Amino acid sequence: MANVFENKKKVIIVGSGRLGCGLACLYYDRGYDVVIIDNDESAWNKLPLNFGGLKITADGSDLDTLRYVGIDLASTFFAVTENDNLNSFIAQIAARVFSVNDVYARFGDTDKDKHIQGFNIFGIYPFRLTMDSFEKMLDTNGEDGDVR
């Protein structure tokens, strides 16, 4: 019997908050092989019942866990926990130890750039994204400042 995931790109997501679950659904719905890891089993309640990706309750920074879920086959890796330092650490493991091509880390602190520079890790900064959105709305709506 053929492996149903043999022609799919693998995405691994560590952290199953709103962002992690949203990414898991987005990639799963687009046909990717999705693995989502979180150490809190109750986090799976945020996923829809029809989510068919692999849900692993474990420590996403554990090398054995990452090997178990096939990080060596992953094309994309997201570290999107609520902990900036953990995200930096996990993203560096994915990029430096396992050589995952596309690695993303979510940071609340915009000063975390210095921890990922030169490691082929792309920072996701909700604050910057929000400010960019408001700036675009302000530019679109003109001088009155009304962003509704």
C-alpha atoms as a PDB file:
ATOM      1  CA  MET A   1       0.000   0.000   0.000  1.00  0.00           C
ATOM      2  CA  ALA A   2       1.364   3.430  -0.944  1.00  0.00           C
ATOM      3  CA  ASN A   3       2.093   6.060   1.667  1.00  0.00           C
ATOM      4  CA  VAL A   4      -0.681   8.678   1.380  1.00  0.00           C
ATOM      5  CA  PHE A   5       1.791  11.407   2.355  1.00  0.00           C
ATOM      6  CA  GLU A   6       4.566  10.474  -0.082  1.00  0.00           C
ATOM      7  CA  ASN A   7       3.905  13.356  -2.486  1.00  0.00           C
ATOM      8  CA  LYS A   8       2.842  15.937   0.078  1.00  0.00           C
ATOM      9  CA  LYS A   9       5.006  18.608   1.620  1.00  0.00           C
ATOM     10  CA  LYS A  10       5.360  18.224   5.375  1.00  0.00           C
ATOM     11  CA  VAL A  11       4.716  21.131   7.730  1.00  0.00           C
ATOM     12  CA  ILE A  12       5.511  20.935  11.437  1.00  0.00           C
ATOM     13  CA  ILE A  13       3.976  23.418  13.860  1.00  0.00           C
ATOM     14  CA  VAL A  14       4.987  23.718  17.507  1.00  0.00           C
ATOM     15  CA  GLY A  15       2.353  25.547  19.520  1.00  0.00           C
ATOM     16  CA  SER A  16      -1.384  25.127  19.214  1.00  0.00           C
ATOM     17  CA  GLY A  17      -2.797  28.484  20.205  1.00  0.00           C
ATOM     18  CA  ARG A  18      -4.974  30.395  17.768  1.00  0.00           C
ATOM     19  CA  LEU A  19      -2.049  31.001  15.411  1.00  0.00           C
ATOM     20  CA  GLY A  20      -0.756  27.429  15.486  1.00  0.00           C
ATOM     21  CA  CYS A  21      -4.204  25.920  14.974  1.00  0.00           C
ATOM     22  CA  GLY A  22      -4.976  28.449  12.255  1.00  0.00           C
ATOM     23  CA  LEU A  23      -1.774  27.570  10.414  1.00  0.00           C
ATOM     24  CA  ALA A  24      -2.464  23.844  10.849  1.00  0.00           C
ATOM     25  CA  CYS A  25      -5.917  24.207   9.277  1.00  0.00           C
ATOM     26  CA  LEU A  26      -4.664  26.472   6.487  1.00  0.00           C
ATOM     27  CA  TYR A  27      -1.926  24.075   5.435  1.00  0.00           C
ATOM     28  CA  TYR A  28      -4.046  20.939   5.918  1.00  0.00           C
ATOM     29  CA  ASP A  29      -6.852  22.405   3.804  1.00  0.00           C
ATOM     30  CA  ARG A  30      -4.304  23.099   1.062  1.00  0.00           C
ATOM     31  CA  GLY A  31      -3.182  19.469   0.980  1.00  0.00           C
ATOM     32  CA  TYR A  32      -0.059  19.510   3.144  1.00  0.00           C
ATOM     33  CA  ASP A  33       0.989  16.765   5.552  1.00  0.00           C
ATOM     34  CA  VAL A  34       0.588  18.657   8.847  1.00  0.00           C
ATOM     35  CA  VAL A  35       1.974  17.780  12.266  1.00  0.00           C
ATOM     36  CA  ILE A  36       1.107  20.003  15.220  1.00  0.00           C
ATOM     37  CA  ILE A  37       2.855  19.590  18.567  1.00  0.00           C
ATOM     38  CA  ASP A  38       1.861  20.995  21.950  1.00  0.00           C
ATOM     39  CA  ASN A  39       2.466  19.834  25.501  1.00  0.00           C
ATOM     40  CA  ASP A  40      -1.111  20.728  26.516  1.00  0.00           C
ATOM     41  CA  GLU A  41      -3.622  18.134  25.366  1.00  0.00           C
ATOM     42  CA  SER A  42      -6.544  20.525  25.888  1.00  0.00           C
ATOM     43  CA  ALA A  43      -5.116  22.701  23.099  1.00  0.00           C
ATOM     44  CA  TRP A  44      -6.565  20.302  20.520  1.00  0.00           C
ATOM     45  CA  ASN A  45     -10.023  21.688  21.339  1.00  0.00           C
ATOM     46  CA  LYS A  46      -9.168  24.672  19.112  1.00  0.00           C
ATOM     47  CA  LEU A  47      -8.925  22.426  16.038  1.00  0.00           C
ATOM     48  CA  PRO A  48     -12.039  21.533  14.040  1.00  0.00           C
ATOM     49  CA  LEU A  49     -13.318  17.959  14.285  1.00  0.00           C
ATOM     50  CA  ASN A  50     -12.467  17.314  10.632  1.00  0.00           C
ATOM     51  CA  PHE A  51      -8.762  18.219  11.063  1.00  0.00           C
ATOM     52  CA  GLY A  52      -6.884  15.233   9.684  1.00  0.00           C
ATOM     53  CA  GLY A  53      -3.334  16.202  10.537  1.00  0.00           C
ATOM     54  CA  LEU A  54      -1.261  14.529  13.218  1.00  0.00           C
ATOM     55  CA  LYS A  55      -1.673  15.957  16.739  1.00  0.00           C
ATOM     56  CA  ILE A  56       1.177  15.142  19.122  1.00  0.00           C
ATOM     57  CA  THR A  57       1.032  15.937  22.831  1.00  0.00           C
ATOM     58  CA  ALA A  58       4.717  16.345  23.652  1.00  0.00           C
ATOM     59  CA  ASP A  59       7.580  18.770  24.182  1.00  0.00           C
ATOM     60  CA  GLY A  60       8.223  20.438  20.824  1.00  0.00           C
ATOM     61  CA  SER A  61      11.834  21.169  21.752  1.00  0.00           C
ATOM     62  CA  ASP A  62      12.632  17.502  22.354  1.00  0.00           C
ATOM     63  CA  LEU A  63      14.898  16.130  19.603  1.00  0.00           C
ATOM     64  CA  ASP A  64      13.387  12.639  19.824  1.00  0.00           C
ATOM     65  CA  THR A  65       9.881  14.071  19.405  1.00  0.00           C
ATOM     66  CA  LEU A  66      10.984  16.058  16.360  1.00  0.00           C
ATOM     67  CA  ARG A  67      12.632  12.984  14.840  1.00  0.00           C
ATOM     68  CA  TYR A  68       9.510  10.900  15.579  1.00  0.00           C
ATOM     69  CA  VAL A  69       7.288  13.306  13.617  1.00  0.00           C
ATOM     70  CA  GLY A  70       9.690  13.298  10.663  1.00  0.00           C
ATOM     71  CA  ILE A  71      11.376  16.692  10.887  1.00  0.00           C
ATOM     72  CA  ASP A  72      13.994  15.422   8.447  1.00  0.00           C
ATOM     73  CA  LEU A  73      11.233  15.381   5.798  1.00  0.00           C
ATOM     74  CA  ALA A  74       9.729  18.759   6.696  1.00  0.00           C
ATOM     75  CA  SER A  75       9.770  21.559   4.139  1.00  0.00           C
ATOM     76  CA  THR A  76       8.340  24.142   6.556  1.00  0.00           C
ATOM     77  CA  PHE A  77       8.530  24.575  10.322  1.00  0.00           C
ATOM     78  CA  PHE A  78       6.668  27.020  12.570  1.00  0.00           C
ATOM     79  CA  ALA A  79       7.547  27.798  16.198  1.00  0.00           C
ATOM     80  CA  VAL A  80       4.466  29.661  17.404  1.00  0.00           C
ATOM     81  CA  THR A  81       4.182  29.111  21.151  1.00  0.00           C
ATOM     82  CA  GLU A  82       3.459  32.034  23.475  1.00  0.00           C
ATOM     83  CA  ASN A  83       7.095  31.977  24.675  1.00  0.00           C
ATOM     84  CA  ASP A  84       9.546  34.034  22.568  1.00  0.00           C
ATOM     85  CA  ASN A  85      12.641  32.331  23.986  1.00  0.00           C
ATOM     86  CA  LEU A  86      11.210  28.882  23.379  1.00  0.00           C
ATOM     87  CA  ASN A  87      10.262  29.845  19.820  1.00  0.00           C
ATOM     88  CA  SER A  88      13.802  31.086  19.172  1.00  0.00           C
ATOM     89  CA  PHE A  89      15.284  27.880  20.577  1.00  0.00           C
ATOM     90  CA  ILE A  90      12.958  25.531  18.682  1.00  0.00           C
ATOM     91  CA  ALA A  91      13.355  27.446  15.419  1.00  0.00           C
ATOM     92  CA  GLN A  92      17.134  27.255  15.739  1.00  0.00           C
ATOM     93  CA  ILE A  93      16.892  23.484  16.264  1.00  0.00           C
ATOM     94  CA  ALA A  94      14.808  23.165  13.095  1.00  0.00           C
ATOM     95  CA  ALA A  95      17.131  25.381  11.046  1.00  0.00           C
ATOM     96  CA  ARG A  96      20.549  24.484  12.444  1.00  0.00           C
ATOM     97  CA  VAL A  97      20.231  20.862  13.550  1.00  0.00           C
ATOM     98  CA  PHE A  98      17.728  19.529  11.010  1.00  0.00           C
ATOM     99  CA  SER A  99      18.302  21.986   8.115  1.00  0.00           C
ATOM    100  CA  VAL A 100      14.613  22.633   7.463  1.00  0.00           C
ATOM    101  CA  ASN A 101      14.370  25.004   4.481  1.00  0.00           C
ATOM    102  CA  ASP A 102      11.624  27.374   5.649  1.00  0.00           C
ATOM    103  CA  VAL A 103      11.577  28.110   9.376  1.00  0.00           C
ATOM    104  CA  TYR A 104       9.323  30.699  11.004  1.00  0.00           C
ATOM    105  CA  ALA A 105       9.218  31.890  14.609  1.00  0.00           C
ATOM    106  CA  ARG A 106       6.537  34.029  16.242  1.00  0.00           C
ATOM    107  CA  PHE A 107       7.839  36.773  18.531  1.00  0.00           C
ATOM    108  CA  GLY A 108       5.948  39.241  20.677  1.00  0.00           C
ATOM    109  CA  ASP A 109       9.186  41.152  21.317  1.00  0.00           C
ATOM    110  CA  THR A 110      10.422  42.896  18.179  1.00  0.00           C
ATOM    111  CA  ASP A 111      13.974  42.905  19.570  1.00  0.00           C
ATOM    112  CA  LYS A 112      14.278  39.137  19.052  1.00  0.00           C
ATOM    113  CA  ASP A 113      15.675  39.701  15.523  1.00  0.00           C
ATOM    114  CA  LYS A 114      19.199  39.434  16.872  1.00  0.00           C
ATOM    115  CA  HIS A 115      18.590  35.851  18.038  1.00  0.00           C
ATOM    116  CA  ILE A 116      17.670  34.551  14.592  1.00  0.00           C
ATOM    117  CA  GLN A 117      19.834  36.594  12.216  1.00  0.00           C
ATOM    118  CA  GLY A 118      21.945  34.475   9.932  1.00  0.00           C
ATOM    119  CA  PHE A 119      20.089  31.219  10.622  1.00  0.00           C
ATOM    120  CA  ASN A 120      17.537  31.209   7.775  1.00  0.00           C
ATOM    121  CA  ILE A 121      14.729  31.832  10.273  1.00  0.00           C
ATOM    122  CA  PHE A 122      11.966  34.285   9.448  1.00  0.00           C
ATOM    123  CA  GLY A 123      10.407  36.224  12.315  1.00  0.00           C
ATOM    124  CA  ILE A 124       6.660  36.705  12.604  1.00  0.00           C
ATOM    125  CA  TYR A 125       5.890  39.762  14.727  1.00  0.00           C
ATOM    126  CA  PRO A 126       2.171  40.308  15.481  1.00  0.00           C
ATOM    127  CA  PHE A 127       2.877  43.847  16.718  1.00  0.00           C
ATOM    128  CA  ARG A 128       4.580  44.819  13.453  1.00  0.00           C
ATOM    129  CA  LEU A 129       1.862  43.193  11.362  1.00  0.00           C
ATOM    130  CA  THR A 130      -0.834  45.033  13.311  1.00  0.00           C
ATOM    131  CA  MET A 131       0.939  48.383  13.041  1.00  0.00           C
ATOM    132  CA  ASP A 132       1.465  47.855   9.299  1.00  0.00           C
ATOM    133  CA  SER A 133      -2.261  47.148   8.882  1.00  0.00           C
ATOM    134  CA  PHE A 134      -3.257  50.293  10.775  1.00  0.00           C
ATOM    135  CA  GLU A 135      -0.762  52.368   8.814  1.00  0.00           C
ATOM    136  CA  LYS A 136      -2.219  51.093   5.528  1.00  0.00           C
ATOM    137  CA  MET A 137      -5.748  51.866   6.731  1.00  0.00           C
ATOM    138  CA  LEU A 138      -4.702  55.347   7.799  1.00  0.00           C
ATOM    139  CA  ASP A 139      -3.002  55.950   4.433  1.00  0.00           C
ATOM    140  CA  THR A 140      -6.106  54.698   2.618  1.00  0.00           C
ATOM    141  CA  ASN A 141      -8.570  56.775   4.663  1.00  0.00           C
ATOM    142  CA  GLY A 142      -6.625  60.027   4.543  1.00  0.00           C
ATOM    143  CA  GLU A 143      -6.067  62.769   7.039  1.00  0.00           C
ATOM    144  CA  ASP A 144      -9.181  62.302   9.159  1.00  0.00           C
ATOM    145  CA  GLY A 145      -7.605  59.231  10.798  1.00  0.00           C
ATOM    146  CA  ASP A 146     -10.820  57.240  10.701  1.00  0.00           C
ATOM    147  CA  VAL A 147      -9.823  53.586  10.233  1.00  0.00           C
ATOM    148  CA  ARG A 148     -13.309  52.072  10.277  1.00  0.00           C
END
